[in-house]
Amino acid sequence: MIDFVSGLARERGFGPKRILEVELAAEEALVNILTYAYPKGAGDIEIACRGEGGSRLTVEIRDYGVAFDPLSFPVPDLLVELAIRKVGGLGVFFVRQMADHVEYRRSENANVLTLTFTNREPQKWVNSTHTEGT
């Protein structure tokens, strides 16, 4: 799936760093589906990609597993120390950071997650520290 998605991003002229963000977001979404959608065993996953204009790529991932809206997770507080931070939600946070638009809907007994990417410069990930009183 990752090769399929990254190949289409490459065809749309996305640069290597932006393709990596597309791959990471798609992989995280897929891992969540594989981990949670089918607790009783195997299930189906459908992936559809389409280019829109010269600079957009939309990836739609559909599964027929347990209803789950990944966008219902609150944004994690990244300033909380790891030892006391609540587990979970970081993968969804990263998907939201890397995709330009993320949409979820439940349709015909399926979870449908739509990720839209534009051909732009990749995110500037900056290490930051939090200092009390600043």
C-alpha atoms as a PDB file:
ATOM      1  CA  MET A   1       0.000   0.000   0.000  1.00  0.00           C
ATOM      2  CA  ILE A   2       2.795   2.396   0.861  1.00  0.00           C
ATOM      3  CA  ASP A   3       4.520   1.817  -2.492  1.00  0.00           C
ATOM      4  CA  PHE A   4       1.216   2.390  -4.291  1.00  0.00           C
ATOM      5  CA  VAL A   5       0.541   5.682  -2.489  1.00  0.00           C
ATOM      6  CA  SER A   6       4.103   6.988  -2.732  1.00  0.00           C
ATOM      7  CA  GLY A   7       4.261   6.072  -6.430  1.00  0.00           C
ATOM      8  CA  LEU A   8       1.179   8.170  -7.106  1.00  0.00           C
ATOM      9  CA  ALA A   9       2.608  11.074  -5.085  1.00  0.00           C
ATOM     10  CA  ARG A  10       5.808  10.820  -7.118  1.00  0.00           C
ATOM     11  CA  GLU A  11       3.775  10.882 -10.356  1.00  0.00           C
ATOM     12  CA  ARG A  12       2.108  14.087  -9.143  1.00  0.00           C
ATOM     13  CA  GLY A  13       5.537  15.710  -8.738  1.00  0.00           C
ATOM     14  CA  PHE A  14       5.785  15.551  -4.956  1.00  0.00           C
ATOM     15  CA  GLY A  15       9.334  15.929  -3.631  1.00  0.00           C
ATOM     16  CA  PRO A  16      11.091  13.205  -1.602  1.00  0.00           C
ATOM     17  CA  LYS A  17      10.468  14.802   1.811  1.00  0.00           C
ATOM     18  CA  ARG A  18       6.786  15.390   1.098  1.00  0.00           C
ATOM     19  CA  ILE A  19       6.452  11.826  -0.215  1.00  0.00           C
ATOM     20  CA  LEU A  20       7.859  10.624   3.109  1.00  0.00           C
ATOM     21  CA  GLU A  21       5.111  12.531   4.944  1.00  0.00           C
ATOM     22  CA  VAL A  22       2.481  10.972   2.666  1.00  0.00           C
ATOM     23  CA  GLU A  23       3.949   7.514   3.337  1.00  0.00           C
ATOM     24  CA  LEU A  24       4.100   8.052   7.107  1.00  0.00           C
ATOM     25  CA  ALA A  25       0.523   9.323   7.332  1.00  0.00           C
ATOM     26  CA  ALA A  26      -0.838   6.478   5.181  1.00  0.00           C
ATOM     27  CA  GLU A  27       1.168   3.898   7.118  1.00  0.00           C
ATOM     28  CA  GLU A  28      -0.051   5.196  10.485  1.00  0.00           C
ATOM     29  CA  ALA A  29      -3.659   5.084   9.296  1.00  0.00           C
ATOM     30  CA  LEU A  30      -3.185   1.547   8.008  1.00  0.00           C
ATOM     31  CA  VAL A  31      -1.498   0.352  11.218  1.00  0.00           C
ATOM     32  CA  ASN A  32      -4.423   1.699  13.258  1.00  0.00           C
ATOM     33  CA  ILE A  33      -6.873  -0.195  11.058  1.00  0.00           C
ATOM     34  CA  LEU A  34      -4.854  -3.405  11.229  1.00  0.00           C
ATOM     35  CA  THR A  35      -4.587  -3.068  15.005  1.00  0.00           C
ATOM     36  CA  TYR A  36      -8.149  -2.120  15.925  1.00  0.00           C
ATOM     37  CA  ALA A  37     -10.686  -2.678  13.140  1.00  0.00           C
ATOM     38  CA  TYR A  38     -10.866  -6.462  13.212  1.00  0.00           C
ATOM     39  CA  PRO A  39     -10.380  -7.747  16.776  1.00  0.00           C
ATOM     40  CA  LYS A  40     -11.779 -11.187  15.868  1.00  0.00           C
ATOM     41  CA  GLY A  41      -9.487 -11.825  12.918  1.00  0.00           C
ATOM     42  CA  ALA A  42      -8.871 -10.835   9.322  1.00  0.00           C
ATOM     43  CA  GLY A  43     -10.893  -8.300   7.374  1.00  0.00           C
ATOM     44  CA  ASP A  44     -10.949  -6.261   4.212  1.00  0.00           C
ATOM     45  CA  ILE A  45      -9.271  -2.927   3.554  1.00  0.00           C
ATOM     46  CA  GLU A  46      -9.774  -0.933   0.351  1.00  0.00           C
ATOM     47  CA  ILE A  47      -7.506   1.896  -0.748  1.00  0.00           C
ATOM     48  CA  ALA A  48      -8.360   4.356  -3.496  1.00  0.00           C
ATOM     49  CA  CYS A  49      -6.166   7.242  -4.625  1.00  0.00           C
ATOM     50  CA  ARG A  50      -6.944  10.069  -6.975  1.00  0.00           C
ATOM     51  CA  GLY A  51      -5.085  13.075  -8.206  1.00  0.00           C
ATOM     52  CA  GLU A  52      -6.874  16.394  -8.237  1.00  0.00           C
ATOM     53  CA  GLY A  53      -5.384  19.096 -10.391  1.00  0.00           C
ATOM     54  CA  GLY A  54      -1.638  19.076 -10.702  1.00  0.00           C
ATOM     55  CA  SER A  55      -0.769  19.258  -7.047  1.00  0.00           C
ATOM     56  CA  ARG A  56      -3.227  17.265  -4.919  1.00  0.00           C
ATOM     57  CA  LEU A  57      -3.427  13.637  -3.937  1.00  0.00           C
ATOM     58  CA  THR A  58      -6.371  12.130  -2.065  1.00  0.00           C
ATOM     59  CA  VAL A  59      -6.050   8.752  -0.352  1.00  0.00           C
ATOM     60  CA  GLU A  60      -9.252   7.060   0.787  1.00  0.00           C
ATOM     61  CA  ILE A  61      -8.930   4.073   3.111  1.00  0.00           C
ATOM     62  CA  ARG A  62     -12.041   1.991   3.781  1.00  0.00           C
ATOM     63  CA  ASP A  63     -12.477  -0.873   6.221  1.00  0.00           C
ATOM     64  CA  TYR A  64     -15.537  -2.802   7.360  1.00  0.00           C
ATOM     65  CA  GLY A  65     -14.413  -3.308  10.932  1.00  0.00           C
ATOM     66  CA  VAL A  66     -15.469  -1.870  14.262  1.00  0.00           C
ATOM     67  CA  ALA A  67     -16.776   1.692  13.947  1.00  0.00           C
ATOM     68  CA  PHE A  68     -13.985   4.040  14.967  1.00  0.00           C
ATOM     69  CA  ASP A  69     -13.556   7.764  14.363  1.00  0.00           C
ATOM     70  CA  PRO A  70      -9.843   8.524  14.774  1.00  0.00           C
ATOM     71  CA  LEU A  71     -10.607  12.245  14.669  1.00  0.00           C
ATOM     72  CA  SER A  72     -12.549  11.944  17.928  1.00  0.00           C
ATOM     73  CA  PHE A  73      -9.237  11.734  19.810  1.00  0.00           C
ATOM     74  CA  PRO A  74      -8.345  15.016  21.487  1.00  0.00           C
ATOM     75  CA  VAL A  75      -5.105  16.674  20.446  1.00  0.00           C
ATOM     76  CA  PRO A  76      -2.426  15.328  22.819  1.00  0.00           C
ATOM     77  CA  ASP A  77      -0.673  17.743  25.155  1.00  0.00           C
ATOM     78  CA  LEU A  78       2.907  17.460  23.939  1.00  0.00           C
ATOM     79  CA  LEU A  79       4.213  19.531  26.840  1.00  0.00           C
ATOM     80  CA  VAL A  80       3.255  16.920  29.452  1.00  0.00           C
ATOM     81  CA  GLU A  81       6.159  14.750  30.609  1.00  0.00           C
ATOM     82  CA  LEU A  82       6.276  11.330  28.966  1.00  0.00           C
ATOM     83  CA  ALA A  83       6.048   9.566  32.331  1.00  0.00           C
ATOM     84  CA  ILE A  84       2.608  11.048  33.002  1.00  0.00           C
ATOM     85  CA  ARG A  85       1.290  11.555  29.451  1.00  0.00           C
ATOM     86  CA  LYS A  86      -1.793   9.564  28.534  1.00  0.00           C
ATOM     87  CA  VAL A  87      -0.975   6.704  26.127  1.00  0.00           C
ATOM     88  CA  GLY A  88      -2.398   6.866  22.604  1.00  0.00           C
ATOM     89  CA  GLY A  89      -3.393   9.507  20.113  1.00  0.00           C
ATOM     90  CA  LEU A  90       0.056  10.477  18.850  1.00  0.00           C
ATOM     91  CA  GLY A  91      -0.299   8.570  15.588  1.00  0.00           C
ATOM     92  CA  VAL A  92      -3.572  10.329  14.771  1.00  0.00           C
ATOM     93  CA  PHE A  93      -1.925  13.637  15.732  1.00  0.00           C
ATOM     94  CA  PHE A  94       0.915  13.009  13.269  1.00  0.00           C
ATOM     95  CA  VAL A  95      -1.512  12.039  10.496  1.00  0.00           C
ATOM     96  CA  ARG A  96      -3.334  15.337  11.057  1.00  0.00           C
ATOM     97  CA  GLN A  97      -0.036  17.233  10.949  1.00  0.00           C
ATOM     98  CA  MET A  98       1.220  15.620   7.739  1.00  0.00           C
ATOM     99  CA  ALA A  99      -2.003  15.623   5.700  1.00  0.00           C
ATOM    100  CA  ASP A 100      -3.522  18.902   4.578  1.00  0.00           C
ATOM    101  CA  HIS A 101      -7.026  17.639   5.250  1.00  0.00           C
ATOM    102  CA  VAL A 102      -8.297  14.569   7.142  1.00  0.00           C
ATOM    103  CA  GLU A 103     -11.896  13.457   7.109  1.00  0.00           C
ATOM    104  CA  TYR A 104     -13.703  10.482   8.660  1.00  0.00           C
ATOM    105  CA  ARG A 105     -17.159   9.160   7.949  1.00  0.00           C
ATOM    106  CA  ARG A 106     -19.076   5.968   8.602  1.00  0.00           C
ATOM    107  CA  SER A 107     -20.775   4.868   5.383  1.00  0.00           C
ATOM    108  CA  GLU A 108     -22.559   1.594   4.563  1.00  0.00           C
ATOM    109  CA  ASN A 109     -21.063  -0.228   7.568  1.00  0.00           C
ATOM    110  CA  ALA A 110     -17.583   0.993   6.668  1.00  0.00           C
ATOM    111  CA  ASN A 111     -15.054   3.338   8.223  1.00  0.00           C
ATOM    112  CA  VAL A 112     -13.865   5.737   5.531  1.00  0.00           C
ATOM    113  CA  LEU A 113     -10.762   7.805   6.245  1.00  0.00           C
ATOM    114  CA  THR A 114      -9.828  10.373   3.610  1.00  0.00           C
ATOM    115  CA  LEU A 115      -6.393  11.995   3.609  1.00  0.00           C
ATOM    116  CA  THR A 116      -5.691  14.878   1.241  1.00  0.00           C
ATOM    117  CA  PHE A 117      -2.160  16.047   0.497  1.00  0.00           C
ATOM    118  CA  THR A 118      -0.953  18.997  -1.524  1.00  0.00           C
ATOM    119  CA  ASN A 119       2.396  19.208  -3.226  1.00  0.00           C
ATOM    120  CA  ARG A 120       4.032  21.689  -0.889  1.00  0.00           C
ATOM    121  CA  GLU A 121       7.096  21.952   1.272  1.00  0.00           C
ATOM    122  CA  PRO A 122       7.105  19.364   4.075  1.00  0.00           C
ATOM    123  CA  GLN A 123       6.356  20.317   7.661  1.00  0.00           C
ATOM    124  CA  LYS A 124       9.181  21.930   9.583  1.00  0.00           C
ATOM    125  CA  TRP A 125       9.475  19.709  12.637  1.00  0.00           C
ATOM    126  CA  VAL A 126      11.138  21.669  15.413  1.00  0.00           C
ATOM    127  CA  ASN A 127      12.267  20.355  18.753  1.00  0.00           C
ATOM    128  CA  SER A 128      10.928  22.700  21.369  1.00  0.00           C
ATOM    129  CA  THR A 129      11.229  22.913  25.087  1.00  0.00           C
ATOM    130  CA  HIS A 130       8.787  24.351  27.552  1.00  0.00           C
ATOM    131  CA  THR A 131      10.054  26.644  30.261  1.00  0.00           C
ATOM    132  CA  GLU A 132       7.828  27.672  33.137  1.00  0.00           C
ATOM    133  CA  GLY A 133       6.882  31.328  33.036  1.00  0.00           C
ATOM    134  CA  THR A 134       7.674  31.889  29.339  1.00  0.00           C
END
